[in-house]
Amino acid sequence: MPNTTPEHDERMATMTFSSVYPHYVTKVEKKGRTIGELHEVIEWLTGFDESKIIDLIAEKVTFKTFFEKAKLNPNAPLIKGVICGYRIEEIETPLTQQVRFLDKLVDELAKGRKMEKILRKA
């Protein structure tokens, strides 16, 4: 599987969190999960509580800024697998990998995985 291209990485960096967030909400709600659970997953990965998530959406921050402000969970590297055709653990660009970590967590939530599994608890 090919690694990401510089163009792909740039697209990830400049995409706004606020443009993707509604898709996350739709994806999880369609599968019977809640916005609260979505926020729990985002908080686990980034350290952002619900009010900070709302602020970042209002500020229309890019994913680059979003992850610069985040305190990435030390267990984030345990997130593995394929998302959008890329094997997460093989993505070389840290920001692109972080965006895919978030995508994968949202995906697992939508697929009905148990929260303790999603949050990489023992």
PDB file of N, CA and C in Angstrom:
ATOM      1  N   MET A   1       0.850  -1.181   0.000  1.00  0.00           N
ATOM      2  CA  MET A   1       0.000   0.000   0.000  1.00  0.00           C
ATOM      3  C   MET A   1       0.898   1.247   0.000  1.00  0.00           C
ATOM      4  N   PRO A   2       0.643   2.197  -0.888  1.00  0.00           N
ATOM      5  CA  PRO A   2       1.512   3.371  -0.975  1.00  0.00           C
ATOM      6  C   PRO A   2       1.365   4.279   0.243  1.00  0.00           C
ATOM      7  N   ASN A   3       2.430   5.022   0.534  1.00  0.00           N
ATOM      8  CA  ASN A   3       2.332   6.006   1.601  1.00  0.00           C
ATOM      9  C   ASN A   3       1.657   7.245   1.035  1.00  0.00           C
ATOM     10  N   THR A   4       1.333   8.185   1.901  1.00  0.00           N
ATOM     11  CA  THR A   4       0.626   9.375   1.460  1.00  0.00           C
ATOM     12  C   THR A   4       1.538  10.249   0.606  1.00  0.00           C
ATOM     13  N   THR A   5       0.933  11.052  -0.261  1.00  0.00           N
ATOM     14  CA  THR A   5       1.689  11.985  -1.100  1.00  0.00           C
ATOM     15  C   THR A   5       1.758  13.333  -0.388  1.00  0.00           C
ATOM     16  N   PRO A   6       2.712  14.175  -0.781  1.00  0.00           N
ATOM     17  CA  PRO A   6       2.762  15.528  -0.195  1.00  0.00           C
ATOM     18  C   PRO A   6       1.448  16.293  -0.411  1.00  0.00           C
ATOM     19  N   GLU A   7       0.809  16.074  -1.562  1.00  0.00           N
ATOM     20  CA  GLU A   7      -0.467  16.745  -1.847  1.00  0.00           C
ATOM     21  C   GLU A   7      -1.546  16.272  -0.871  1.00  0.00           C
ATOM     22  N   HIS A   8      -1.579  14.978  -0.646  1.00  0.00           N
ATOM     23  CA  HIS A   8      -2.543  14.398   0.297  1.00  0.00           C
ATOM     24  C   HIS A   8      -2.311  14.979   1.701  1.00  0.00           C
ATOM     25  N   ASP A   9      -1.052  15.024   2.118  1.00  0.00           N
ATOM     26  CA  ASP A   9      -0.707  15.546   3.446  1.00  0.00           C
ATOM     27  C   ASP A   9      -1.111  17.016   3.573  1.00  0.00           C
ATOM     28  N   GLU A  10      -0.887  17.779   2.514  1.00  0.00           N
ATOM     29  CA  GLU A  10      -1.252  19.201   2.523  1.00  0.00           C
ATOM     30  C   GLU A  10      -2.773  19.362   2.643  1.00  0.00           C
ATOM     31  N   ARG A  11      -3.514  18.522   1.928  1.00  0.00           N
ATOM     32  CA  ARG A  11      -4.982  18.558   2.006  1.00  0.00           C
ATOM     33  C   ARG A  11      -5.451  18.282   3.434  1.00  0.00           C
ATOM     34  N   MET A  12      -4.827  17.295   4.066  1.00  0.00           N
ATOM     35  CA  MET A  12      -5.174  16.977   5.457  1.00  0.00           C
ATOM     36  C   MET A  12      -4.903  18.176   6.365  1.00  0.00           C
ATOM     37  N   ALA A  13      -3.755  18.826   6.175  1.00  0.00           N
ATOM     38  CA  ALA A  13      -3.329  19.927   7.034  1.00  0.00           C
ATOM     39  C   ALA A  13      -4.255  21.132   6.911  1.00  0.00           C
ATOM     40  N   THR A  14      -4.738  21.393   5.699  1.00  0.00           N
ATOM     41  CA  THR A  14      -5.516  22.618   5.469  1.00  0.00           C
ATOM     42  C   THR A  14      -7.024  22.412   5.586  1.00  0.00           C
ATOM     43  N   MET A  15      -7.473  21.183   5.656  1.00  0.00           N
ATOM     44  CA  MET A  15      -8.898  20.909   5.846  1.00  0.00           C
ATOM     45  C   MET A  15      -9.312  21.412   7.234  1.00  0.00           C
ATOM     46  N   THR A  16     -10.503  21.980   7.329  1.00  0.00           N
ATOM     47  CA  THR A  16     -10.932  22.463   8.648  1.00  0.00           C
ATOM     48  C   THR A  16     -11.663  21.364   9.405  1.00  0.00           C
ATOM     49  N   PHE A  17     -11.438  21.354  10.705  1.00  0.00           N
ATOM     50  CA  PHE A  17     -12.129  20.404  11.573  1.00  0.00           C
ATOM     51  C   PHE A  17     -13.640  20.615  11.464  1.00  0.00           C
ATOM     52  N   SER A  18     -14.066  21.887  11.384  1.00  0.00           N
ATOM     53  CA  SER A  18     -15.504  22.187  11.326  1.00  0.00           C
ATOM     54  C   SER A  18     -16.169  21.640  10.062  1.00  0.00           C
ATOM     55  N   SER A  19     -15.393  21.451   8.986  1.00  0.00           N
ATOM     56  CA  SER A  19     -15.982  20.914   7.751  1.00  0.00           C
ATOM     57  C   SER A  19     -16.184  19.402   7.844  1.00  0.00           C
ATOM     58  N   VAL A  20     -15.400  18.733   8.682  1.00  0.00           N
ATOM     59  CA  VAL A  20     -15.465  17.276   8.794  1.00  0.00           C
ATOM     60  C   VAL A  20     -16.366  16.834   9.958  1.00  0.00           C
ATOM     61  N   TYR A  21     -16.406  17.651  10.995  1.00  0.00           N
ATOM     62  CA  TYR A  21     -17.159  17.308  12.211  1.00  0.00           C
ATOM     63  C   TYR A  21     -18.613  16.884  11.927  1.00  0.00           C
ATOM     64  N   PRO A  22     -19.373  17.640  11.092  1.00  0.00           N
ATOM     65  CA  PRO A  22     -20.766  17.196  10.833  1.00  0.00           C
ATOM     66  C   PRO A  22     -20.841  15.795  10.226  1.00  0.00           C
ATOM     67  N   HIS A  23     -19.836  15.425   9.446  1.00  0.00           N
ATOM     68  CA  HIS A  23     -19.810  14.078   8.864  1.00  0.00           C
ATOM     69  C   HIS A  23     -19.585  13.024   9.956  1.00  0.00           C
ATOM     70  N   TYR A  24     -18.735  13.353  10.925  1.00  0.00           N
ATOM     71  CA  TYR A  24     -18.533  12.455  12.072  1.00  0.00           C
ATOM     72  C   TYR A  24     -19.859  12.252  12.808  1.00  0.00           C
ATOM     73  N   VAL A  25     -20.558  13.369  13.068  1.00  0.00           N
ATOM     74  CA  VAL A  25     -21.834  13.310  13.800  1.00  0.00           C
ATOM     75  C   VAL A  25     -22.824  12.434  13.039  1.00  0.00           C
ATOM     76  N   THR A  26     -22.972  12.692  11.749  1.00  0.00           N
ATOM     77  CA  THR A  26     -23.908  11.920  10.924  1.00  0.00           C
ATOM     78  C   THR A  26     -23.556  10.440  10.953  1.00  0.00           C
ATOM     79  N   LYS A  27     -22.274  10.151  10.792  1.00  0.00           N
ATOM     80  CA  LYS A  27     -21.810   8.758  10.740  1.00  0.00           C
ATOM     81  C   LYS A  27     -22.146   8.013  12.031  1.00  0.00           C
ATOM     82  N   VAL A  28     -21.869   8.627  13.187  1.00  0.00           N
ATOM     83  CA  VAL A  28     -22.105   7.905  14.442  1.00  0.00           C
ATOM     84  C   VAL A  28     -23.590   7.850  14.790  1.00  0.00           C
ATOM     85  N   GLU A  29     -24.328   8.935  14.517  1.00  0.00           N
ATOM     86  CA  GLU A  29     -25.761   8.935  14.860  1.00  0.00           C
ATOM     87  C   GLU A  29     -26.540   7.956  13.996  1.00  0.00           C
ATOM     88  N   LYS A  30     -26.121   7.819  12.737  1.00  0.00           N
ATOM     89  CA  LYS A  30     -26.781   6.881  11.829  1.00  0.00           C
ATOM     90  C   LYS A  30     -26.682   5.452  12.364  1.00  0.00           C
ATOM     91  N   LYS A  31     -25.630   5.198  13.144  1.00  0.00           N
ATOM     92  CA  LYS A  31     -25.404   3.856  13.690  1.00  0.00           C
ATOM     93  C   LYS A  31     -25.850   3.753  15.157  1.00  0.00           C
ATOM     94  N   GLY A  32     -26.621   4.743  15.622  1.00  0.00           N
ATOM     95  CA  GLY A  32     -27.177   4.648  16.969  1.00  0.00           C
ATOM     96  C   GLY A  32     -26.248   5.100  18.086  1.00  0.00           C
ATOM     97  N   ARG A  33     -25.142   5.749  17.753  1.00  0.00           N
ATOM     98  CA  ARG A  33     -24.251   6.284  18.791  1.00  0.00           C
ATOM     99  C   ARG A  33     -24.591   7.761  19.004  1.00  0.00           C
ATOM    100  N   THR A  34     -24.023   8.357  20.049  1.00  0.00           N
ATOM    101  CA  THR A  34     -24.403   9.724  20.409  1.00  0.00           C
ATOM    102  C   THR A  34     -23.264  10.721  20.185  1.00  0.00           C
ATOM    103  N   ILE A  35     -23.639  11.996  20.146  1.00  0.00           N
ATOM    104  CA  ILE A  35     -22.632  13.058  20.061  1.00  0.00           C
ATOM    105  C   ILE A  35     -21.763  13.018  21.322  1.00  0.00           C
ATOM    106  N   GLY A  36     -22.361  12.700  22.455  1.00  0.00           N
ATOM    107  CA  GLY A  36     -21.588  12.570  23.696  1.00  0.00           C
ATOM    108  C   GLY A  36     -20.483  11.534  23.566  1.00  0.00           C
ATOM    109  N   GLU A  37     -20.822  10.408  22.943  1.00  0.00           N
ATOM    110  CA  GLU A  37     -19.805   9.364  22.725  1.00  0.00           C
ATOM    111  C   GLU A  37     -18.745   9.842  21.737  1.00  0.00           C
ATOM    112  N   LEU A  38     -19.165  10.551  20.706  1.00  0.00           N
ATOM    113  CA  LEU A  38     -18.214  11.115  19.742  1.00  0.00           C
ATOM    114  C   LEU A  38     -17.249  12.054  20.457  1.00  0.00           C
ATOM    115  N   HIS A  39     -17.794  12.923  21.313  1.00  0.00           N
ATOM    116  CA  HIS A  39     -16.945  13.861  22.057  1.00  0.00           C
ATOM    117  C   HIS A  39     -16.015  13.131  23.015  1.00  0.00           C
ATOM    118  N   GLU A  40     -16.476  12.040  23.591  1.00  0.00           N
ATOM    119  CA  GLU A  40     -15.632  11.245  24.483  1.00  0.00           C
ATOM    120  C   GLU A  40     -14.415  10.689  23.728  1.00  0.00           C
ATOM    121  N   VAL A  41     -14.656  10.229  22.512  1.00  0.00           N
ATOM    122  CA  VAL A  41     -13.586   9.686  21.668  1.00  0.00           C
ATOM    123  C   VAL A  41     -12.606  10.801  21.283  1.00  0.00           C
ATOM    124  N   ILE A  42     -13.138  11.959  20.881  1.00  0.00           N
ATOM    125  CA  ILE A  42     -12.277  13.092  20.502  1.00  0.00           C
ATOM    126  C   ILE A  42     -11.462  13.546  21.714  1.00  0.00           C
ATOM    127  N   GLU A  43     -12.111  13.600  22.882  1.00  0.00           N
ATOM    128  CA  GLU A  43     -11.398  14.030  24.092  1.00  0.00           C
ATOM    129  C   GLU A  43     -10.291  13.041  24.456  1.00  0.00           C
ATOM    130  N   TRP A  44     -10.573  11.746  24.307  1.00  0.00           N
ATOM    131  CA  TRP A  44      -9.547  10.744  24.617  1.00  0.00           C
ATOM    132  C   TRP A  44      -8.317  10.970  23.742  1.00  0.00           C
ATOM    133  N   LEU A  45      -8.539  11.209  22.452  1.00  0.00           N
ATOM    134  CA  LEU A  45      -7.412  11.357  21.519  1.00  0.00           C
ATOM    135  C   LEU A  45      -6.680  12.687  21.703  1.00  0.00           C
ATOM    136  N   THR A  46      -7.431  13.774  21.933  1.00  0.00           N
ATOM    137  CA  THR A  46      -6.851  15.122  21.849  1.00  0.00           C
ATOM    138  C   THR A  46      -6.744  15.864  23.169  1.00  0.00           C
ATOM    139  N   GLY A  47      -7.530  15.426  24.177  1.00  0.00           N
ATOM    140  CA  GLY A  47      -7.586  16.170  25.430  1.00  0.00           C
ATOM    141  C   GLY A  47      -8.613  17.300  25.405  1.00  0.00           C
ATOM    142  N   PHE A  48      -9.282  17.522  24.269  1.00  0.00           N
ATOM    143  CA  PHE A  48     -10.263  18.604  24.166  1.00  0.00           C
ATOM    144  C   PHE A  48     -11.590  18.178  24.777  1.00  0.00           C
ATOM    145  N   ASP A  49     -12.091  18.964  25.757  1.00  0.00           N
ATOM    146  CA  ASP A  49     -13.424  18.680  26.290  1.00  0.00           C
ATOM    147  C   ASP A  49     -14.477  19.269  25.338  1.00  0.00           C
ATOM    148  N   GLU A  50     -15.735  19.034  25.669  1.00  0.00           N
ATOM    149  CA  GLU A  50     -16.814  19.430  24.763  1.00  0.00           C
ATOM    150  C   GLU A  50     -16.791  20.924  24.441  1.00  0.00           C
ATOM    151  N   SER A  51     -16.561  21.772  25.455  1.00  0.00           N
ATOM    152  CA  SER A  51     -16.579  23.216  25.180  1.00  0.00           C
ATOM    153  C   SER A  51     -15.407  23.613  24.272  1.00  0.00           C
ATOM    154  N   LYS A  52     -14.270  22.960  24.428  1.00  0.00           N
ATOM    155  CA  LYS A  52     -13.114  23.249  23.559  1.00  0.00           C
ATOM    156  C   LYS A  52     -13.394  22.773  22.132  1.00  0.00           C
ATOM    157  N   ILE A  53     -14.038  21.629  21.988  1.00  0.00           N
ATOM    158  CA  ILE A  53     -14.405  21.130  20.654  1.00  0.00           C
ATOM    159  C   ILE A  53     -15.306  22.145  19.962  1.00  0.00           C
ATOM    160  N   ILE A  54     -16.298  22.652  20.696  1.00  0.00           N
ATOM    161  CA  ILE A  54     -17.236  23.638  20.140  1.00  0.00           C
ATOM    162  C   ILE A  54     -16.492  24.923  19.747  1.00  0.00           C
ATOM    163  N   ASP A  55     -15.558  25.362  20.604  1.00  0.00           N
ATOM    164  CA  ASP A  55     -14.749  26.558  20.288  1.00  0.00           C
ATOM    165  C   ASP A  55     -13.943  26.349  19.006  1.00  0.00           C
ATOM    166  N   LEU A  56     -13.314  25.189  18.874  1.00  0.00           N
ATOM    167  CA  LEU A  56     -12.475  24.911  17.704  1.00  0.00           C
ATOM    168  C   LEU A  56     -13.313  24.858  16.425  1.00  0.00           C
ATOM    169  N   ILE A  57     -14.541  24.364  16.534  1.00  0.00           N
ATOM    170  CA  ILE A  57     -15.452  24.354  15.384  1.00  0.00           C
ATOM    171  C   ILE A  57     -15.782  25.799  15.007  1.00  0.00           C
ATOM    172  N   ALA A  58     -16.115  26.617  16.014  1.00  0.00           N
ATOM    173  CA  ALA A  58     -16.469  28.021  15.776  1.00  0.00           C
ATOM    174  C   ALA A  58     -15.293  28.794  15.170  1.00  0.00           C
ATOM    175  N   GLU A  59     -14.083  28.458  15.604  1.00  0.00           N
ATOM    176  CA  GLU A  59     -12.879  29.140  15.092  1.00  0.00           C
ATOM    177  C   GLU A  59     -12.485  28.651  13.700  1.00  0.00           C
ATOM    178  N   LYS A  60     -13.139  27.593  13.233  1.00  0.00           N
ATOM    179  CA  LYS A  60     -12.824  27.009  11.927  1.00  0.00           C
ATOM    180  C   LYS A  60     -11.329  26.707  11.770  1.00  0.00           C
ATOM    181  N   VAL A  61     -10.782  26.065  12.792  1.00  0.00           N
ATOM    182  CA  VAL A  61      -9.353  25.727  12.747  1.00  0.00           C
ATOM    183  C   VAL A  61      -9.100  24.619  11.720  1.00  0.00           C
ATOM    184  N   THR A  62      -7.902  24.655  11.143  1.00  0.00           N
ATOM    185  CA  THR A  62      -7.479  23.580  10.252  1.00  0.00           C
ATOM    186  C   THR A  62      -7.073  22.387  11.124  1.00  0.00           C
ATOM    187  N   PHE A  63      -6.966  21.230  10.491  1.00  0.00           N
ATOM    188  CA  PHE A  63      -6.492  20.056  11.236  1.00  0.00           C
ATOM    189  C   PHE A  63      -5.069  20.290  11.748  1.00  0.00           C
ATOM    190  N   LYS A  64      -4.275  21.066  11.002  1.00  0.00           N
ATOM    191  CA  LYS A  64      -2.914  21.380  11.460  1.00  0.00           C
ATOM    192  C   LYS A  64      -2.979  22.084  12.819  1.00  0.00           C
ATOM    193  N   THR A  65      -3.796  23.120  12.916  1.00  0.00           N
ATOM    194  CA  THR A  65      -3.950  23.868  14.177  1.00  0.00           C
ATOM    195  C   THR A  65      -4.599  22.995  15.250  1.00  0.00           C
ATOM    196  N   PHE A  66      -5.609  22.234  14.850  1.00  0.00           N
ATOM    197  CA  PHE A  66      -6.336  21.348  15.766  1.00  0.00           C
ATOM    198  C   PHE A  66      -5.361  20.424  16.487  1.00  0.00           C
ATOM    199  N   PHE A  67      -4.487  19.762  15.728  1.00  0.00           N
ATOM    200  CA  PHE A  67      -3.558  18.821  16.347  1.00  0.00           C
ATOM    201  C   PHE A  67      -2.359  19.501  16.998  1.00  0.00           C
ATOM    202  N   GLU A  68      -2.025  20.725  16.571  1.00  0.00           N
ATOM    203  CA  GLU A  68      -0.980  21.482  17.279  1.00  0.00           C
ATOM    204  C   GLU A  68      -1.443  21.828  18.697  1.00  0.00           C
ATOM    205  N   LYS A  69      -2.741  22.105  18.849  1.00  0.00           N
ATOM    206  CA  LYS A  69      -3.304  22.472  20.152  1.00  0.00           C
ATOM    207  C   LYS A  69      -3.593  21.241  21.020  1.00  0.00           C
ATOM    208  N   ALA A  70      -3.683  20.080  20.383  1.00  0.00           N
ATOM    209  CA  ALA A  70      -4.059  18.849  21.091  1.00  0.00           C
ATOM    210  C   ALA A  70      -2.912  18.332  21.955  1.00  0.00           C
ATOM    211  N   LYS A  71      -3.298  17.618  23.016  1.00  0.00           N
ATOM    212  CA  LYS A  71      -2.337  16.835  23.796  1.00  0.00           C
ATOM    213  C   LYS A  71      -2.657  15.385  23.461  1.00  0.00           C
ATOM    214  N   LEU A  72      -1.949  14.881  22.453  1.00  0.00           N
ATOM    215  CA  LEU A  72      -2.261  13.554  21.926  1.00  0.00           C
ATOM    216  C   LEU A  72      -2.123  12.484  23.007  1.00  0.00           C
ATOM    217  N   ASN A  73      -3.112  11.626  23.085  1.00  0.00           N
ATOM    218  CA  ASN A  73      -3.097  10.541  24.065  1.00  0.00           C
ATOM    219  C   ASN A  73      -1.862   9.664  23.819  1.00  0.00           C
ATOM    220  N   PRO A  74      -1.126   9.326  24.909  1.00  0.00           N
ATOM    221  CA  PRO A  74       0.070   8.482  24.721  1.00  0.00           C
ATOM    222  C   PRO A  74      -0.250   7.111  24.125  1.00  0.00           C
ATOM    223  N   ASN A  75      -1.507   6.667  24.228  1.00  0.00           N
ATOM    224  CA  ASN A  75      -1.880   5.375  23.644  1.00  0.00           C
ATOM    225  C   ASN A  75      -2.336   5.487  22.190  1.00  0.00           C
ATOM    226  N   ALA A  76      -2.314   6.687  21.618  1.00  0.00           N
ATOM    227  CA  ALA A  76      -2.750   6.860  20.224  1.00  0.00           C
ATOM    228  C   ALA A  76      -2.026   5.914  19.251  1.00  0.00           C
ATOM    229  N   PRO A  77      -0.720   5.656  19.437  1.00  0.00           N
ATOM    230  CA  PRO A  77      -0.051   4.730  18.499  1.00  0.00           C
ATOM    231  C   PRO A  77      -0.622   3.304  18.519  1.00  0.00           C
ATOM    232  N   LEU A  78      -1.452   2.986  19.504  1.00  0.00           N
ATOM    233  CA  LEU A  78      -2.099   1.672  19.529  1.00  0.00           C
ATOM    234  C   LEU A  78      -3.228   1.591  18.498  1.00  0.00           C
ATOM    235  N   ILE A  79      -3.602   2.730  17.921  1.00  0.00           N
ATOM    236  CA  ILE A  79      -4.647   2.750  16.887  1.00  0.00           C
ATOM    237  C   ILE A  79      -3.998   2.264  15.598  1.00  0.00           C
ATOM    238  N   LYS A  80      -4.477   1.114  15.130  1.00  0.00           N
ATOM    239  CA  LYS A  80      -3.897   0.509  13.939  1.00  0.00           C
ATOM    240  C   LYS A  80      -5.013   0.095  12.990  1.00  0.00           C
ATOM    241  N   GLY A  81      -4.619  -0.248  11.791  1.00  0.00           N
ATOM    242  CA  GLY A  81      -5.596  -0.711  10.817  1.00  0.00           C
ATOM    243  C   GLY A  81      -5.581   0.147   9.568  1.00  0.00           C
ATOM    244  N   VAL A  82      -6.531  -0.129   8.689  1.00  0.00           N
ATOM    245  CA  VAL A  82      -6.593   0.575   7.412  1.00  0.00           C
ATOM    246  C   VAL A  82      -7.776   1.533   7.432  1.00  0.00           C
ATOM    247  N   ILE A  83      -7.524   2.745   6.990  1.00  0.00           N
ATOM    248  CA  ILE A  83      -8.601   3.726   6.842  1.00  0.00           C
ATOM    249  C   ILE A  83      -8.349   4.475   5.539  1.00  0.00           C
ATOM    250  N   CYS A  84      -9.378   4.569   4.712  1.00  0.00           N
ATOM    251  CA  CYS A  84      -9.280   5.254   3.416  1.00  0.00           C
ATOM    252  C   CYS A  84      -8.111   4.723   2.580  1.00  0.00           C
ATOM    253  N   GLY A  85      -7.857   3.438   2.678  1.00  0.00           N
ATOM    254  CA  GLY A  85      -6.819   2.822   1.861  1.00  0.00           C
ATOM    255  C   GLY A  85      -5.404   2.952   2.400  1.00  0.00           C
ATOM    256  N   TYR A  86      -5.250   3.556   3.564  1.00  0.00           N
ATOM    257  CA  TYR A  86      -3.914   3.723   4.152  1.00  0.00           C
ATOM    258  C   TYR A  86      -3.816   2.927   5.446  1.00  0.00           C
ATOM    259  N   ARG A  87      -2.694   2.229   5.627  1.00  0.00           N
ATOM    260  CA  ARG A  87      -2.448   1.546   6.893  1.00  0.00           C
ATOM    261  C   ARG A  87      -1.921   2.595   7.852  1.00  0.00           C
ATOM    262  N   ILE A  88      -2.688   2.871   8.912  1.00  0.00           N
ATOM    263  CA  ILE A  88      -2.408   3.991   9.811  1.00  0.00           C
ATOM    264  C   ILE A  88      -0.986   3.945  10.369  1.00  0.00           C
ATOM    265  N   GLU A  89      -0.566   2.771  10.828  1.00  0.00           N
ATOM    266  CA  GLU A  89       0.746   2.692  11.478  1.00  0.00           C
ATOM    267  C   GLU A  89       1.904   2.913  10.501  1.00  0.00           C
ATOM    268  N   GLU A  90       1.629   2.909   9.195  1.00  0.00           N
ATOM    269  CA  GLU A  90       2.684   3.119   8.198  1.00  0.00           C
ATOM    270  C   GLU A  90       2.710   4.536   7.640  1.00  0.00           C
ATOM    271  N   ILE A  91       1.753   5.379   8.038  1.00  0.00           N
ATOM    272  CA  ILE A  91       1.730   6.766   7.541  1.00  0.00           C
ATOM    273  C   ILE A  91       2.907   7.514   8.163  1.00  0.00           C
ATOM    274  N   GLU A  92       3.732   8.091   7.304  1.00  0.00           N
ATOM    275  CA  GLU A  92       4.973   8.721   7.775  1.00  0.00           C
ATOM    276  C   GLU A  92       4.787  10.161   8.239  1.00  0.00           C
ATOM    277  N   THR A  93       3.788  10.864   7.714  1.00  0.00           N
ATOM    278  CA  THR A  93       3.574  12.263   8.085  1.00  0.00           C
ATOM    279  C   THR A  93       2.759  12.302   9.379  1.00  0.00           C
ATOM    280  N   PRO A  94       3.343  12.818  10.473  1.00  0.00           N
ATOM    281  CA  PRO A  94       2.646  12.779  11.766  1.00  0.00           C
ATOM    282  C   PRO A  94       1.244  13.378  11.747  1.00  0.00           C
ATOM    283  N   LEU A  95       1.050  14.532  11.116  1.00  0.00           N
ATOM    284  CA  LEU A  95      -0.273  15.156  11.109  1.00  0.00           C
ATOM    285  C   LEU A  95      -1.293  14.285  10.384  1.00  0.00           C
ATOM    286  N   THR A  96      -0.913  13.776   9.217  1.00  0.00           N
ATOM    287  CA  THR A  96      -1.825  12.908   8.463  1.00  0.00           C
ATOM    288  C   THR A  96      -2.176  11.681   9.294  1.00  0.00           C
ATOM    289  N   GLN A  97      -1.195  11.126   9.982  1.00  0.00           N
ATOM    290  CA  GLN A  97      -1.442   9.968  10.844  1.00  0.00           C
ATOM    291  C   GLN A  97      -2.426  10.331  11.958  1.00  0.00           C
ATOM    292  N   GLN A  98      -2.279  11.513  12.548  1.00  0.00           N
ATOM    293  CA  GLN A  98      -3.167  11.943  13.628  1.00  0.00           C
ATOM    294  C   GLN A  98      -4.603  12.106  13.135  1.00  0.00           C
ATOM    295  N   VAL A  99      -4.766  12.694  11.942  1.00  0.00           N
ATOM    296  CA  VAL A  99      -6.110  12.835  11.363  1.00  0.00           C
ATOM    297  C   VAL A  99      -6.712  11.448  11.156  1.00  0.00           C
ATOM    298  N   ARG A 100      -5.918  10.525  10.679  1.00  0.00           N
ATOM    299  CA  ARG A 100      -6.411   9.157  10.448  1.00  0.00           C
ATOM    300  C   ARG A 100      -6.689   8.427  11.762  1.00  0.00           C
ATOM    301  N   PHE A 101      -5.941   8.739  12.817  1.00  0.00           N
ATOM    302  CA  PHE A 101      -6.280   8.193  14.142  1.00  0.00           C
ATOM    303  C   PHE A 101      -7.719   8.572  14.474  1.00  0.00           C
ATOM    304  N   LEU A 102      -8.035   9.859  14.299  1.00  0.00           N
ATOM    305  CA  LEU A 102      -9.377  10.349  14.615  1.00  0.00           C
ATOM    306  C   LEU A 102     -10.416   9.675  13.728  1.00  0.00           C
ATOM    307  N   ASP A 103     -10.132   9.585  12.425  1.00  0.00           N
ATOM    308  CA  ASP A 103     -11.060   8.915  11.503  1.00  0.00           C
ATOM    309  C   ASP A 103     -11.330   7.483  11.947  1.00  0.00           C
ATOM    310  N   LYS A 104     -10.282   6.788  12.342  1.00  0.00           N
ATOM    311  CA  LYS A 104     -10.406   5.380  12.740  1.00  0.00           C
ATOM    312  C   LYS A 104     -11.244   5.242  14.012  1.00  0.00           C
ATOM    313  N   LEU A 105     -11.037   6.134  14.973  1.00  0.00           N
ATOM    314  CA  LEU A 105     -11.828   6.087  16.210  1.00  0.00           C
ATOM    315  C   LEU A 105     -13.313   6.322  15.918  1.00  0.00           C
ATOM    316  N   VAL A 106     -13.597   7.295  15.063  1.00  0.00           N
ATOM    317  CA  VAL A 106     -14.986   7.580  14.687  1.00  0.00           C
ATOM    318  C   VAL A 106     -15.582   6.368  13.979  1.00  0.00           C
ATOM    319  N   ASP A 107     -14.796   5.758  13.116  1.00  0.00           N
ATOM    320  CA  ASP A 107     -15.212   4.563  12.389  1.00  0.00           C
ATOM    321  C   ASP A 107     -15.571   3.429  13.360  1.00  0.00           C
ATOM    322  N   GLU A 108     -14.698   3.207  14.333  1.00  0.00           N
ATOM    323  CA  GLU A 108     -14.932   2.138  15.315  1.00  0.00           C
ATOM    324  C   GLU A 108     -16.183   2.432  16.139  1.00  0.00           C
ATOM    325  N   LEU A 109     -16.391   3.688  16.493  1.00  0.00           N
ATOM    326  CA  LEU A 109     -17.588   4.080  17.239  1.00  0.00           C
ATOM    327  C   LEU A 109     -18.830   3.764  16.410  1.00  0.00           C
ATOM    328  N   ALA A 110     -18.799   4.155  15.149  1.00  0.00           N
ATOM    329  CA  ALA A 110     -19.942   3.921  14.257  1.00  0.00           C
ATOM    330  C   ALA A 110     -20.195   2.430  14.039  1.00  0.00           C
ATOM    331  N   LYS A 111     -19.127   1.631  14.107  1.00  0.00           N
ATOM    332  CA  LYS A 111     -19.284   0.183  13.891  1.00  0.00           C
ATOM    333  C   LYS A 111     -19.747  -0.545  15.147  1.00  0.00           C
ATOM    334  N   GLY A 112     -19.982   0.209  16.218  1.00  0.00           N
ATOM    335  CA  GLY A 112     -20.530  -0.402  17.421  1.00  0.00           C
ATOM    336  C   GLY A 112     -19.522  -1.024  18.360  1.00  0.00           C
ATOM    337  N   ARG A 113     -18.250  -0.708  18.179  1.00  0.00           N
ATOM    338  CA  ARG A 113     -17.230  -1.244  19.108  1.00  0.00           C
ATOM    339  C   ARG A 113     -17.478  -0.715  20.508  1.00  0.00           C
ATOM    340  N   LYS A 114     -17.128  -1.506  21.484  1.00  0.00           N
ATOM    341  CA  LYS A 114     -17.269  -1.082  22.883  1.00  0.00           C
ATOM    342  C   LYS A 114     -16.308   0.064  23.173  1.00  0.00           C
ATOM    343  N   MET A 115     -16.771   1.025  23.974  1.00  0.00           N
ATOM    344  CA  MET A 115     -15.981   2.218  24.260  1.00  0.00           C
ATOM    345  C   MET A 115     -14.615   1.882  24.845  1.00  0.00           C
ATOM    346  N   GLU A 116     -14.534   0.881  25.748  1.00  0.00           N
ATOM    347  CA  GLU A 116     -13.228   0.587  26.349  1.00  0.00           C
ATOM    348  C   GLU A 116     -12.235   0.047  25.301  1.00  0.00           C
ATOM    349  N   LYS A 117     -12.744  -0.593  24.242  1.00  0.00           N
ATOM    350  CA  LYS A 117     -11.886  -1.050  23.155  1.00  0.00           C
ATOM    351  C   LYS A 117     -11.436   0.148  22.310  1.00  0.00           C
ATOM    352  N   ILE A 118     -12.393   1.025  21.984  1.00  0.00           N
ATOM    353  CA  ILE A 118     -12.073   2.209  21.183  1.00  0.00           C
ATOM    354  C   ILE A 118     -11.011   3.043  21.886  1.00  0.00           C
ATOM    355  N   LEU A 119     -11.171   3.218  23.205  1.00  0.00           N
ATOM    356  CA  LEU A 119     -10.275   4.066  23.975  1.00  0.00           C
ATOM    357  C   LEU A 119      -9.013   3.329  24.421  1.00  0.00           C
ATOM    358  N   ARG A 120      -8.781   2.166  23.821  1.00  0.00           N
ATOM    359  CA  ARG A 120      -7.547   1.405  24.022  1.00  0.00           C
ATOM    360  C   ARG A 120      -7.244   1.198  25.502  1.00  0.00           C
ATOM    361  N   LYS A 121      -8.286   0.756  26.240  1.00  0.00           N
ATOM    362  CA  LYS A 121      -8.092   0.443  27.667  1.00  0.00           C
ATOM    363  C   LYS A 121      -7.760  -1.042  27.784  1.00  0.00           C
ATOM    364  N   ALA A 122      -7.091  -1.369  28.824  1.00  0.00           N
ATOM    365  CA  ALA A 122      -6.631  -2.757  29.025  1.00  0.00           C
ATOM    366  C   ALA A 122      -7.763  -3.758  28.963  1.00  0.00           C
TER     367      ALA A 122
END
